[in-house]
Amino acid sequence: MVKAQVRTKHSEAAGERYQPVAHSAADEAKLFARPGFKQAYDALEEEFAALEALLEARRAAGLTQAQVAERMGTTASAISRLESSLSSEKHSPSFATLRRYAAACGKKLIISLA
């Protein structure tokens, strides 16, 4: 099922957790019926998996973007850009940046090829 998640500055600052609302089966069927949608969606599988790993590491550590930024010596907006960059083709973070992010969350970056 396709999920959408949006956090606002207000909700992040207030410590609120946005609960994503899943698309209905009918919504999903409409999306996947569009020409080229399934191929484009499948092509993003690796990026979404990487993004989910980053977000899960941050959640498991109980950290906000601002807290990760402080630990990395950067800004919350830089962390926001880093997290969003994995779901866009605008920028690819370096391994050094991903290592620092993982360390800030108390994790170790491990890359695997299947």
PDB file of N, CA and C in Angstrom:
ATOM      1  N   MET A   1       0.838  -1.169   0.000  1.00  0.00           N
ATOM      2  CA  MET A   1       0.000   0.000   0.000  1.00  0.00           C
ATOM      3  C   MET A   1       0.890   1.242   0.000  1.00  0.00           C
ATOM      4  N   VAL A   2       0.572   2.245  -0.749  1.00  0.00           N
ATOM      5  CA  VAL A   2       1.334   3.482  -0.857  1.00  0.00           C
ATOM      6  C   VAL A   2       0.984   4.387   0.314  1.00  0.00           C
ATOM      7  N   LYS A   3       2.005   4.956   0.964  1.00  0.00           N
ATOM      8  CA  LYS A   3       1.753   5.856   2.085  1.00  0.00           C
ATOM      9  C   LYS A   3       2.394   7.201   1.791  1.00  0.00           C
ATOM     10  N   ALA A   4       1.785   8.244   2.272  1.00  0.00           N
ATOM     11  CA  ALA A   4       2.334   9.590   2.144  1.00  0.00           C
ATOM     12  C   ALA A   4       2.577  10.123   3.545  1.00  0.00           C
ATOM     13  N   GLN A   5       3.687  10.841   3.722  1.00  0.00           N
ATOM     14  CA  GLN A   5       3.990  11.386   5.028  1.00  0.00           C
ATOM     15  C   GLN A   5       4.513  12.805   4.876  1.00  0.00           C
ATOM     16  N   VAL A   6       3.951  13.711   5.623  1.00  0.00           N
ATOM     17  CA  VAL A   6       4.369  15.104   5.599  1.00  0.00           C
ATOM     18  C   VAL A   6       4.479  15.588   7.032  1.00  0.00           C
ATOM     19  N   ARG A   7       5.577  16.262   7.339  1.00  0.00           N
ATOM     20  CA  ARG A   7       5.723  16.877   8.653  1.00  0.00           C
ATOM     21  C   ARG A   7       5.846  18.367   8.453  1.00  0.00           C
ATOM     22  N   THR A   8       5.193  19.093   9.289  1.00  0.00           N
ATOM     23  CA  THR A   8       5.307  20.544   9.228  1.00  0.00           C
ATOM     24  C   THR A   8       6.296  20.995  10.279  1.00  0.00           C
ATOM     25  N   LYS A   9       6.824  22.208  10.123  1.00  0.00           N
ATOM     26  CA  LYS A   9       7.729  22.756  11.125  1.00  0.00           C
ATOM     27  C   LYS A   9       7.035  22.800  12.478  1.00  0.00           C
ATOM     28  N   HIS A  10       5.743  23.144  12.470  1.00  0.00           N
ATOM     29  CA  HIS A  10       4.996  23.223  13.722  1.00  0.00           C
ATOM     30  C   HIS A  10       4.924  21.862  14.403  1.00  0.00           C
ATOM     31  N   SER A  11       4.572  20.825  13.652  1.00  0.00           N
ATOM     32  CA  SER A  11       4.415  19.511  14.271  1.00  0.00           C
ATOM     33  C   SER A  11       5.753  18.970  14.746  1.00  0.00           C
ATOM     34  N   GLU A  12       6.822  19.209  13.991  1.00  0.00           N
ATOM     35  CA  GLU A  12       8.151  18.740  14.395  1.00  0.00           C
ATOM     36  C   GLU A  12       8.590  19.473  15.657  1.00  0.00           C
ATOM     37  N   ALA A  13       8.392  20.790  15.687  1.00  0.00           N
ATOM     38  CA  ALA A  13       8.804  21.589  16.838  1.00  0.00           C
ATOM     39  C   ALA A  13       7.987  21.224  18.075  1.00  0.00           C
ATOM     40  N   ALA A  14       6.738  20.910  17.883  1.00  0.00           N
ATOM     41  CA  ALA A  14       5.872  20.574  19.012  1.00  0.00           C
ATOM     42  C   ALA A  14       6.070  19.130  19.460  1.00  0.00           C
ATOM     43  N   GLY A  15       6.890  18.379  18.746  1.00  0.00           N
ATOM     44  CA  GLY A  15       7.131  16.997  19.103  1.00  0.00           C
ATOM     45  C   GLY A  15       6.009  16.067  18.697  1.00  0.00           C
ATOM     46  N   GLU A  16       5.101  16.559  17.880  1.00  0.00           N
ATOM     47  CA  GLU A  16       3.986  15.737  17.431  1.00  0.00           C
ATOM     48  C   GLU A  16       4.475  14.794  16.335  1.00  0.00           C
ATOM     49  N   ARG A  17       3.910  13.645  16.281  1.00  0.00           N
ATOM     50  CA  ARG A  17       4.251  12.702  15.229  1.00  0.00           C
ATOM     51  C   ARG A  17       3.104  12.658  14.241  1.00  0.00           C
ATOM     52  N   TYR A  18       3.421  12.922  12.996  1.00  0.00           N
ATOM     53  CA  TYR A  18       2.416  12.835  11.946  1.00  0.00           C
ATOM     54  C   TYR A  18       2.150  11.370  11.658  1.00  0.00           C
ATOM     55  N   GLN A  19       0.916  10.989  11.639  1.00  0.00           N
ATOM     56  CA  GLN A  19       0.544   9.623  11.320  1.00  0.00           C
ATOM     57  C   GLN A  19       0.106   9.587   9.858  1.00  0.00           C
ATOM     58  N   PRO A  20       0.904   8.952   8.994  1.00  0.00           N
ATOM     59  CA  PRO A  20       0.550   8.937   7.577  1.00  0.00           C
ATOM     60  C   PRO A  20      -0.774   8.229   7.342  1.00  0.00           C
ATOM     61  N   VAL A  21      -1.477   8.688   6.333  1.00  0.00           N
ATOM     62  CA  VAL A  21      -2.752   8.089   5.960  1.00  0.00           C
ATOM     63  C   VAL A  21      -2.514   7.286   4.684  1.00  0.00           C
ATOM     64  N   ALA A  22      -2.795   6.024   4.761  1.00  0.00           N
ATOM     65  CA  ALA A  22      -2.595   5.154   3.604  1.00  0.00           C
ATOM     66  C   ALA A  22      -3.639   5.461   2.541  1.00  0.00           C
ATOM     67  N   HIS A  23      -3.227   5.331   1.292  1.00  0.00           N
ATOM     68  CA  HIS A  23      -4.187   5.460   0.200  1.00  0.00           C
ATOM     69  C   HIS A  23      -5.137   4.285   0.269  1.00  0.00           C
ATOM     70  N   SER A  24      -6.341   4.495  -0.193  1.00  0.00           N
ATOM     71  CA  SER A  24      -7.289   3.392  -0.260  1.00  0.00           C
ATOM     72  C   SER A  24      -6.874   2.476  -1.415  1.00  0.00           C
ATOM     73  N   ALA A  25      -7.435   1.289  -1.447  1.00  0.00           N
ATOM     74  CA  ALA A  25      -7.149   0.360  -2.534  1.00  0.00           C
ATOM     75  C   ALA A  25      -7.557   0.965  -3.877  1.00  0.00           C
ATOM     76  N   ALA A  26      -8.644   1.731  -3.881  1.00  0.00           N
ATOM     77  CA  ALA A  26      -9.100   2.377  -5.121  1.00  0.00           C
ATOM     78  C   ALA A  26      -8.099   3.444  -5.567  1.00  0.00           C
ATOM     79  N   ASP A  27      -7.572   4.234  -4.610  1.00  0.00           N
ATOM     80  CA  ASP A  27      -6.556   5.240  -4.941  1.00  0.00           C
ATOM     81  C   ASP A  27      -5.321   4.576  -5.538  1.00  0.00           C
ATOM     82  N   GLU A  28      -4.904   3.513  -4.882  1.00  0.00           N
ATOM     83  CA  GLU A  28      -3.713   2.789  -5.339  1.00  0.00           C
ATOM     84  C   GLU A  28      -3.933   2.205  -6.732  1.00  0.00           C
ATOM     85  N   ALA A  29      -5.090   1.639  -6.962  1.00  0.00           N
ATOM     86  CA  ALA A  29      -5.401   1.057  -8.271  1.00  0.00           C
ATOM     87  C   ALA A  29      -5.343   2.119  -9.367  1.00  0.00           C
ATOM     88  N   LYS A  30      -5.879   3.319  -9.071  1.00  0.00           N
ATOM     89  CA  LYS A  30      -5.830   4.419 -10.049  1.00  0.00           C
ATOM     90  C   LYS A  30      -4.397   4.799 -10.374  1.00  0.00           C
ATOM     91  N   LEU A  31      -3.567   4.904  -9.341  1.00  0.00           N
ATOM     92  CA  LEU A  31      -2.167   5.276  -9.561  1.00  0.00           C
ATOM     93  C   LEU A  31      -1.450   4.246 -10.426  1.00  0.00           C
ATOM     94  N   PHE A  32      -1.596   2.980 -10.062  1.00  0.00           N
ATOM     95  CA  PHE A  32      -0.882   1.930 -10.786  1.00  0.00           C
ATOM     96  C   PHE A  32      -1.450   1.679 -12.176  1.00  0.00           C
ATOM     97  N   ALA A  33      -2.663   2.158 -12.449  1.00  0.00           N
ATOM     98  CA  ALA A  33      -3.250   2.020 -13.781  1.00  0.00           C
ATOM     99  C   ALA A  33      -2.674   3.043 -14.765  1.00  0.00           C
ATOM    100  N   ARG A  34      -2.060   4.097 -14.237  1.00  0.00           N
ATOM    101  CA  ARG A  34      -1.489   5.129 -15.105  1.00  0.00           C
ATOM    102  C   ARG A  34      -0.294   4.560 -15.871  1.00  0.00           C
ATOM    103  N   PRO A  35      -0.185   4.860 -17.160  1.00  0.00           N
ATOM    104  CA  PRO A  35       0.936   4.350 -17.958  1.00  0.00           C
ATOM    105  C   PRO A  35       2.278   4.794 -17.362  1.00  0.00           C
ATOM    106  N   GLY A  36       3.170   3.840 -17.173  1.00  0.00           N
ATOM    107  CA  GLY A  36       4.518   4.129 -16.698  1.00  0.00           C
ATOM    108  C   GLY A  36       4.646   4.289 -15.193  1.00  0.00           C
ATOM    109  N   PHE A  37       3.521   4.341 -14.460  1.00  0.00           N
ATOM    110  CA  PHE A  37       3.597   4.573 -13.018  1.00  0.00           C
ATOM    111  C   PHE A  37       4.312   3.435 -12.309  1.00  0.00           C
ATOM    112  N   LYS A  38       3.938   2.193 -12.602  1.00  0.00           N
ATOM    113  CA  LYS A  38       4.544   1.051 -11.907  1.00  0.00           C
ATOM    114  C   LYS A  38       6.037   0.996 -12.154  1.00  0.00           C
ATOM    115  N   GLN A  39       6.472   1.245 -13.372  1.00  0.00           N
ATOM    116  CA  GLN A  39       7.903   1.215 -13.673  1.00  0.00           C
ATOM    117  C   GLN A  39       8.635   2.318 -12.907  1.00  0.00           C
ATOM    118  N   ALA A  40       8.052   3.503 -12.868  1.00  0.00           N
ATOM    119  CA  ALA A  40       8.676   4.618 -12.143  1.00  0.00           C
ATOM    120  C   ALA A  40       8.700   4.335 -10.642  1.00  0.00           C
ATOM    121  N   TYR A  41       7.615   3.787 -10.135  1.00  0.00           N
ATOM    122  CA  TYR A  41       7.526   3.455  -8.709  1.00  0.00           C
ATOM    123  C   TYR A  41       8.563   2.400  -8.346  1.00  0.00           C
ATOM    124  N   ASP A  42       8.652   1.341  -9.144  1.00  0.00           N
ATOM    125  CA  ASP A  42       9.612   0.271  -8.878  1.00  0.00           C
ATOM    126  C   ASP A  42      11.053   0.769  -8.970  1.00  0.00           C
ATOM    127  N   ALA A  43      11.313   1.733  -9.855  1.00  0.00           N
ATOM    128  CA  ALA A  43      12.663   2.269 -10.013  1.00  0.00           C
ATOM    129  C   ALA A  43      13.117   3.018  -8.760  1.00  0.00           C
ATOM    130  N   LEU A  44      12.193   3.470  -7.950  1.00  0.00           N
ATOM    131  CA  LEU A  44      12.530   4.213  -6.738  1.00  0.00           C
ATOM    132  C   LEU A  44      12.655   3.330  -5.496  1.00  0.00           C
ATOM    133  N   GLU A  45      12.517   2.024  -5.664  1.00  0.00           N
ATOM    134  CA  GLU A  45      12.521   1.113  -4.525  1.00  0.00           C
ATOM    135  C   GLU A  45      13.777   1.255  -3.662  1.00  0.00           C
ATOM    136  N   GLU A  46      14.944   1.332  -4.273  1.00  0.00           N
ATOM    137  CA  GLU A  46      16.186   1.432  -3.505  1.00  0.00           C
ATOM    138  C   GLU A  46      16.273   2.749  -2.741  1.00  0.00           C
ATOM    139  N   GLU A  47      15.850   3.854  -3.382  1.00  0.00           N
ATOM    140  CA  GLU A  47      15.888   5.148  -2.716  1.00  0.00           C
ATOM    141  C   GLU A  47      14.942   5.176  -1.518  1.00  0.00           C
ATOM    142  N   PHE A  48      13.737   4.627  -1.699  1.00  0.00           N
ATOM    143  CA  PHE A  48      12.781   4.606  -0.596  1.00  0.00           C
ATOM    144  C   PHE A  48      13.269   3.705   0.533  1.00  0.00           C
ATOM    145  N   ALA A  49      13.927   2.610   0.204  1.00  0.00           N
ATOM    146  CA  ALA A  49      14.470   1.722   1.240  1.00  0.00           C
ATOM    147  C   ALA A  49      15.568   2.440   2.024  1.00  0.00           C
ATOM    148  N   ALA A  50      16.422   3.177   1.334  1.00  0.00           N
ATOM    149  CA  ALA A  50      17.487   3.921   2.007  1.00  0.00           C
ATOM    150  C   ALA A  50      16.899   5.010   2.895  1.00  0.00           C
ATOM    151  N   LEU A  51      15.920   5.730   2.375  1.00  0.00           N
ATOM    152  CA  LEU A  51      15.269   6.777   3.160  1.00  0.00           C
ATOM    153  C   LEU A  51      14.603   6.182   4.387  1.00  0.00           C
ATOM    154  N   GLU A  52      13.896   5.096   4.216  1.00  0.00           N
ATOM    155  CA  GLU A  52      13.225   4.455   5.350  1.00  0.00           C
ATOM    156  C   GLU A  52      14.247   4.009   6.391  1.00  0.00           C
ATOM    157  N   ALA A  53      15.413   3.518   5.963  1.00  0.00           N
ATOM    158  CA  ALA A  53      16.464   3.114   6.910  1.00  0.00           C
ATOM    159  C   ALA A  53      16.954   4.309   7.720  1.00  0.00           C
ATOM    160  N   LEU A  54      17.151   5.455   7.054  1.00  0.00           N
ATOM    161  CA  LEU A  54      17.582   6.660   7.771  1.00  0.00           C
ATOM    162  C   LEU A  54      16.525   7.104   8.775  1.00  0.00           C
ATOM    163  N   LEU A  55      15.299   7.188   8.319  1.00  0.00           N
ATOM    164  CA  LEU A  55      14.222   7.641   9.197  1.00  0.00           C
ATOM    165  C   LEU A  55      14.014   6.688  10.364  1.00  0.00           C
ATOM    166  N   GLU A  56      14.111   5.403  10.110  1.00  0.00           N
ATOM    167  CA  GLU A  56      13.939   4.421  11.173  1.00  0.00           C
ATOM    168  C   GLU A  56      15.074   4.516  12.192  1.00  0.00           C
ATOM    169  N   ALA A  57      16.298   4.762  11.725  1.00  0.00           N
ATOM    170  CA  ALA A  57      17.420   4.930  12.647  1.00  0.00           C
ATOM    171  C   ALA A  57      17.193   6.141  13.545  1.00  0.00           C
ATOM    172  N   ARG A  58      16.710   7.226  12.958  1.00  0.00           N
ATOM    173  CA  ARG A  58      16.455   8.446  13.744  1.00  0.00           C
ATOM    174  C   ARG A  58      15.320   8.216  14.733  1.00  0.00           C
ATOM    175  N   ARG A  59      14.248   7.561  14.283  1.00  0.00           N
ATOM    176  CA  ARG A  59      13.109   7.268  15.171  1.00  0.00           C
ATOM    177  C   ARG A  59      13.535   6.345  16.312  1.00  0.00           C
ATOM    178  N   ALA A  60      14.295   5.295  15.975  1.00  0.00           N
ATOM    179  CA  ALA A  60      14.736   4.334  16.993  1.00  0.00           C
ATOM    180  C   ALA A  60      15.608   5.008  18.046  1.00  0.00           C
ATOM    181  N   ALA A  61      16.369   6.012  17.630  1.00  0.00           N
ATOM    182  CA  ALA A  61      17.201   6.756  18.568  1.00  0.00           C
ATOM    183  C   ALA A  61      16.389   7.803  19.324  1.00  0.00           C
ATOM    184  N   GLY A  62      15.139   8.021  18.900  1.00  0.00           N
ATOM    185  CA  GLY A  62      14.274   8.994  19.553  1.00  0.00           C
ATOM    186  C   GLY A  62      14.725  10.430  19.329  1.00  0.00           C
ATOM    187  N   LEU A  63      15.290  10.694  18.147  1.00  0.00           N
ATOM    188  CA  LEU A  63      15.855  12.003  17.847  1.00  0.00           C
ATOM    189  C   LEU A  63      15.018  12.785  16.840  1.00  0.00           C
ATOM    190  N   THR A  64      15.034  14.095  16.976  1.00  0.00           N
ATOM    191  CA  THR A  64      14.451  14.969  15.979  1.00  0.00           C
ATOM    192  C   THR A  64      15.533  15.313  14.957  1.00  0.00           C
ATOM    193  N   GLN A  65      15.129  15.923  13.859  1.00  0.00           N
ATOM    194  CA  GLN A  65      16.111  16.374  12.884  1.00  0.00           C
ATOM    195  C   GLN A  65      17.082  17.358  13.520  1.00  0.00           C
ATOM    196  N   ALA A  66      16.590  18.223  14.387  1.00  0.00           N
ATOM    197  CA  ALA A  66      17.447  19.210  15.051  1.00  0.00           C
ATOM    198  C   ALA A  66      18.489  18.538  15.942  1.00  0.00           C
ATOM    199  N   GLN A  67      18.103  17.481  16.618  1.00  0.00           N
ATOM    200  CA  GLN A  67      19.046  16.777  17.487  1.00  0.00           C
ATOM    201  C   GLN A  67      20.114  16.048  16.680  1.00  0.00           C
ATOM    202  N   VAL A  68      19.718  15.438  15.566  1.00  0.00           N
ATOM    203  CA  VAL A  68      20.691  14.792  14.687  1.00  0.00           C
ATOM    204  C   VAL A  68      21.650  15.851  14.136  1.00  0.00           C
ATOM    205  N   ALA A  69      21.088  16.979  13.738  1.00  0.00           N
ATOM    206  CA  ALA A  69      21.910  18.069  13.206  1.00  0.00           C
ATOM    207  C   ALA A  69      22.930  18.531  14.227  1.00  0.00           C
ATOM    208  N   GLU A  70      22.510  18.703  15.469  1.00  0.00           N
ATOM    209  CA  GLU A  70      23.430  19.139  16.513  1.00  0.00           C
ATOM    210  C   GLU A  70      24.569  18.141  16.680  1.00  0.00           C
ATOM    211  N   ARG A  71      24.251  16.867  16.678  1.00  0.00           N
ATOM    212  CA  ARG A  71      25.272  15.826  16.829  1.00  0.00           C
ATOM    213  C   ARG A  71      26.225  15.780  15.637  1.00  0.00           C
ATOM    214  N   MET A  72      25.717  16.164  14.467  1.00  0.00           N
ATOM    215  CA  MET A  72      26.548  16.154  13.257  1.00  0.00           C
ATOM    216  C   MET A  72      27.269  17.478  13.043  1.00  0.00           C
ATOM    217  N   GLY A  73      26.919  18.488  13.825  1.00  0.00           N
ATOM    218  CA  GLY A  73      27.527  19.797  13.651  1.00  0.00           C
ATOM    219  C   GLY A  73      27.007  20.529  12.425  1.00  0.00           C
ATOM    220  N   THR A  74      25.726  20.353  12.158  1.00  0.00           N
ATOM    221  CA  THR A  74      25.111  21.006  11.001  1.00  0.00           C
ATOM    222  C   THR A  74      23.763  21.583  11.423  1.00  0.00           C
ATOM    223  N   THR A  75      22.939  21.927  10.460  1.00  0.00           N
ATOM    224  CA  THR A  75      21.637  22.531  10.764  1.00  0.00           C
ATOM    225  C   THR A  75      20.506  21.535  10.519  1.00  0.00           C
ATOM    226  N   ALA A  76      19.365  21.805  11.152  1.00  0.00           N
ATOM    227  CA  ALA A  76      18.185  20.957  10.948  1.00  0.00           C
ATOM    228  C   ALA A  76      17.743  21.001   9.491  1.00  0.00           C
ATOM    229  N   SER A  77      17.893  22.153   8.837  1.00  0.00           N
ATOM    230  CA  SER A  77      17.491  22.236   7.430  1.00  0.00           C
ATOM    231  C   SER A  77      18.400  21.356   6.561  1.00  0.00           C
ATOM    232  N   ALA A  78      19.669  21.218   6.935  1.00  0.00           N
ATOM    233  CA  ALA A  78      20.565  20.329   6.189  1.00  0.00           C
ATOM    234  C   ALA A  78      20.134  18.871   6.346  1.00  0.00           C
ATOM    235  N   ILE A  79      19.679  18.513   7.536  1.00  0.00           N
ATOM    236  CA  ILE A  79      19.197  17.144   7.768  1.00  0.00           C
ATOM    237  C   ILE A  79      17.910  16.915   6.990  1.00  0.00           C
ATOM    238  N   SER A  80      17.046  17.901   6.964  1.00  0.00           N
ATOM    239  CA  SER A  80      15.815  17.801   6.177  1.00  0.00           C
ATOM    240  C   SER A  80      16.150  17.586   4.703  1.00  0.00           C
ATOM    241  N   ARG A  81      17.106  18.358   4.194  1.00  0.00           N
ATOM    242  CA  ARG A  81      17.514  18.195   2.784  1.00  0.00           C
ATOM    243  C   ARG A  81      18.116  16.812   2.553  1.00  0.00           C
ATOM    244  N   LEU A  82      18.932  16.345   3.495  1.00  0.00           N
ATOM    245  CA  LEU A  82      19.536  15.023   3.373  1.00  0.00           C
ATOM    246  C   LEU A  82      18.462  13.953   3.302  1.00  0.00           C
ATOM    247  N   GLU A  83      17.513  14.008   4.219  1.00  0.00           N
ATOM    248  CA  GLU A  83      16.456  12.999   4.238  1.00  0.00           C
ATOM    249  C   GLU A  83      15.588  13.067   2.990  1.00  0.00           C
ATOM    250  N   SER A  84      15.317  14.251   2.508  1.00  0.00           N
ATOM    251  CA  SER A  84      14.478  14.370   1.310  1.00  0.00           C
ATOM    252  C   SER A  84      15.260  14.082   0.034  1.00  0.00           C
ATOM    253  N   SER A  85      16.581  14.199   0.077  1.00  0.00           N
ATOM    254  CA  SER A  85      17.385  13.986  -1.134  1.00  0.00           C
ATOM    255  C   SER A  85      17.315  12.549  -1.632  1.00  0.00           C
ATOM    256  N   LEU A  86      17.053  11.626  -0.736  1.00  0.00           N
ATOM    257  CA  LEU A  86      16.997  10.228  -1.150  1.00  0.00           C
ATOM    258  C   LEU A  86      15.750   9.893  -1.933  1.00  0.00           C
ATOM    259  N   SER A  87      14.763  10.753  -1.876  1.00  0.00           N
ATOM    260  CA  SER A  87      13.548  10.505  -2.658  1.00  0.00           C
ATOM    261  C   SER A  87      13.449  11.450  -3.849  1.00  0.00           C
ATOM    262  N   SER A  88      14.562  12.074  -4.190  1.00  0.00           N
ATOM    263  CA  SER A  88      14.603  12.938  -5.366  1.00  0.00           C
ATOM    264  C   SER A  88      15.927  12.722  -6.076  1.00  0.00           C
ATOM    265  N   GLU A  89      16.032  13.243  -7.257  1.00  0.00           N
ATOM    266  CA  GLU A  89      17.280  13.097  -8.012  1.00  0.00           C
ATOM    267  C   GLU A  89      18.122  14.362  -7.946  1.00  0.00           C
ATOM    268  N   LYS A  90      17.802  15.268  -7.012  1.00  0.00           N
ATOM    269  CA  LYS A  90      18.498  16.536  -6.923  1.00  0.00           C
ATOM    270  C   LYS A  90      19.926  16.393  -6.401  1.00  0.00           C
ATOM    271  N   HIS A  91      20.123  15.510  -5.449  1.00  0.00           N
ATOM    272  CA  HIS A  91      21.419  15.421  -4.788  1.00  0.00           C
ATOM    273  C   HIS A  91      21.589  14.033  -4.191  1.00  0.00           C
ATOM    274  N   SER A  92      22.779  13.507  -4.290  1.00  0.00           N
ATOM    275  CA  SER A  92      23.087  12.235  -3.646  1.00  0.00           C
ATOM    276  C   SER A  92      24.083  12.502  -2.525  1.00  0.00           C
ATOM    277  N   PRO A  93      23.729  12.147  -1.292  1.00  0.00           N
ATOM    278  CA  PRO A  93      24.640  12.399  -0.182  1.00  0.00           C
ATOM    279  C   PRO A  93      25.892  11.534  -0.289  1.00  0.00           C
ATOM    280  N   SER A  94      26.996  12.029   0.246  1.00  0.00           N
ATOM    281  CA  SER A  94      28.255  11.275   0.231  1.00  0.00           C
ATOM    282  C   SER A  94      28.206  10.172   1.284  1.00  0.00           C
ATOM    283  N   PHE A  95      29.101   9.202   1.138  1.00  0.00           N
ATOM    284  CA  PHE A  95      29.195   8.151   2.149  1.00  0.00           C
ATOM    285  C   PHE A  95      29.612   8.746   3.486  1.00  0.00           C
ATOM    286  N   ALA A  96      30.475   9.754   3.452  1.00  0.00           N
ATOM    287  CA  ALA A  96      30.909  10.403   4.695  1.00  0.00           C
ATOM    288  C   ALA A  96      29.712  11.009   5.423  1.00  0.00           C
ATOM    289  N   THR A  97      28.823  11.653   4.693  1.00  0.00           N
ATOM    290  CA  THR A  97      27.634  12.250   5.304  1.00  0.00           C
ATOM    291  C   THR A  97      26.725  11.170   5.866  1.00  0.00           C
ATOM    292  N   LEU A  98      26.527  10.098   5.124  1.00  0.00           N
ATOM    293  CA  LEU A  98      25.678   9.006   5.602  1.00  0.00           C
ATOM    294  C   LEU A  98      26.285   8.344   6.836  1.00  0.00           C
ATOM    295  N   ARG A  99      27.617   8.209   6.872  1.00  0.00           N
ATOM    296  CA  ARG A  99      28.288   7.657   8.054  1.00  0.00           C
ATOM    297  C   ARG A  99      28.061   8.558   9.272  1.00  0.00           C
ATOM    298  N   ARG A 100      28.193   9.869   9.082  1.00  0.00           N
ATOM    299  CA  ARG A 100      27.997  10.821  10.182  1.00  0.00           C
ATOM    300  C   ARG A 100      26.557  10.778  10.682  1.00  0.00           C
ATOM    301  N   TYR A 101      25.601  10.674   9.760  1.00  0.00           N
ATOM    302  CA  TYR A 101      24.189  10.577  10.133  1.00  0.00           C
ATOM    303  C   TYR A 101      23.971   9.312  10.961  1.00  0.00           C
ATOM    304  N   ALA A 102      24.487   8.187  10.469  1.00  0.00           N
ATOM    305  CA  ALA A 102      24.331   6.920  11.185  1.00  0.00           C
ATOM    306  C   ALA A 102      24.943   7.015  12.582  1.00  0.00           C
ATOM    307  N   ALA A 103      26.131   7.575  12.680  1.00  0.00           N
ATOM    308  CA  ALA A 103      26.796   7.712  13.977  1.00  0.00           C
ATOM    309  C   ALA A 103      25.993   8.613  14.916  1.00  0.00           C
ATOM    310  N   ALA A 104      25.407   9.679  14.389  1.00  0.00           N
ATOM    311  CA  ALA A 104      24.593  10.581  15.202  1.00  0.00           C
ATOM    312  C   ALA A 104      23.380   9.864  15.775  1.00  0.00           C
ATOM    313  N   CYS A 105      22.927   8.827  15.079  1.00  0.00           N
ATOM    314  CA  CYS A 105      21.775   8.041  15.537  1.00  0.00           C
ATOM    315  C   CYS A 105      22.204   6.804  16.326  1.00  0.00           C
ATOM    316  N   GLY A 106      23.508   6.691  16.587  1.00  0.00           N
ATOM    317  CA  GLY A 106      24.009   5.535  17.329  1.00  0.00           C
ATOM    318  C   GLY A 106      24.070   4.275  16.494  1.00  0.00           C
ATOM    319  N   LYS A 107      24.197   4.435  15.199  1.00  0.00           N
ATOM    320  CA  LYS A 107      24.225   3.297  14.272  1.00  0.00           C
ATOM    321  C   LYS A 107      25.522   3.290  13.484  1.00  0.00           C
ATOM    322  N   LYS A 108      25.724   2.242  12.718  1.00  0.00           N
ATOM    323  CA  LYS A 108      26.872   2.113  11.829  1.00  0.00           C
ATOM    324  C   LYS A 108      26.350   1.933  10.413  1.00  0.00           C
ATOM    325  N   LEU A 109      26.927   2.651   9.459  1.00  0.00           N
ATOM    326  CA  LEU A 109      26.509   2.529   8.062  1.00  0.00           C
ATOM    327  C   LEU A 109      27.067   1.226   7.491  1.00  0.00           C
ATOM    328  N   ILE A 110      26.173   0.408   6.971  1.00  0.00           N
ATOM    329  CA  ILE A 110      26.572  -0.857   6.328  1.00  0.00           C
ATOM    330  C   ILE A 110      25.896  -0.868   4.955  1.00  0.00           C
ATOM    331  N   ILE A 111      26.674  -1.076   3.921  1.00  0.00           N
ATOM    332  CA  ILE A 111      26.140  -1.116   2.564  1.00  0.00           C
ATOM    333  C   ILE A 111      26.236  -2.551   2.075  1.00  0.00           C
ATOM    334  N   SER A 112      25.166  -3.014   1.475  1.00  0.00           N
ATOM    335  CA  SER A 112      25.100  -4.391   1.015  1.00  0.00           C
ATOM    336  C   SER A 112      24.582  -4.429  -0.417  1.00  0.00           C
ATOM    337  N   LEU A 113      25.150  -5.284  -1.207  1.00  0.00           N
ATOM    338  CA  LEU A 113      24.665  -5.514  -2.568  1.00  0.00           C
ATOM    339  C   LEU A 113      24.028  -6.889  -2.624  1.00  0.00           C
ATOM    340  N   ALA A 114      22.834  -6.948  -3.181  1.00  0.00           N
ATOM    341  CA  ALA A 114      22.136  -8.238  -3.242  1.00  0.00           C
ATOM    342  C   ALA A 114      22.109  -8.743  -4.667  1.00  0.00           C
TER     343      ALA A 114
END
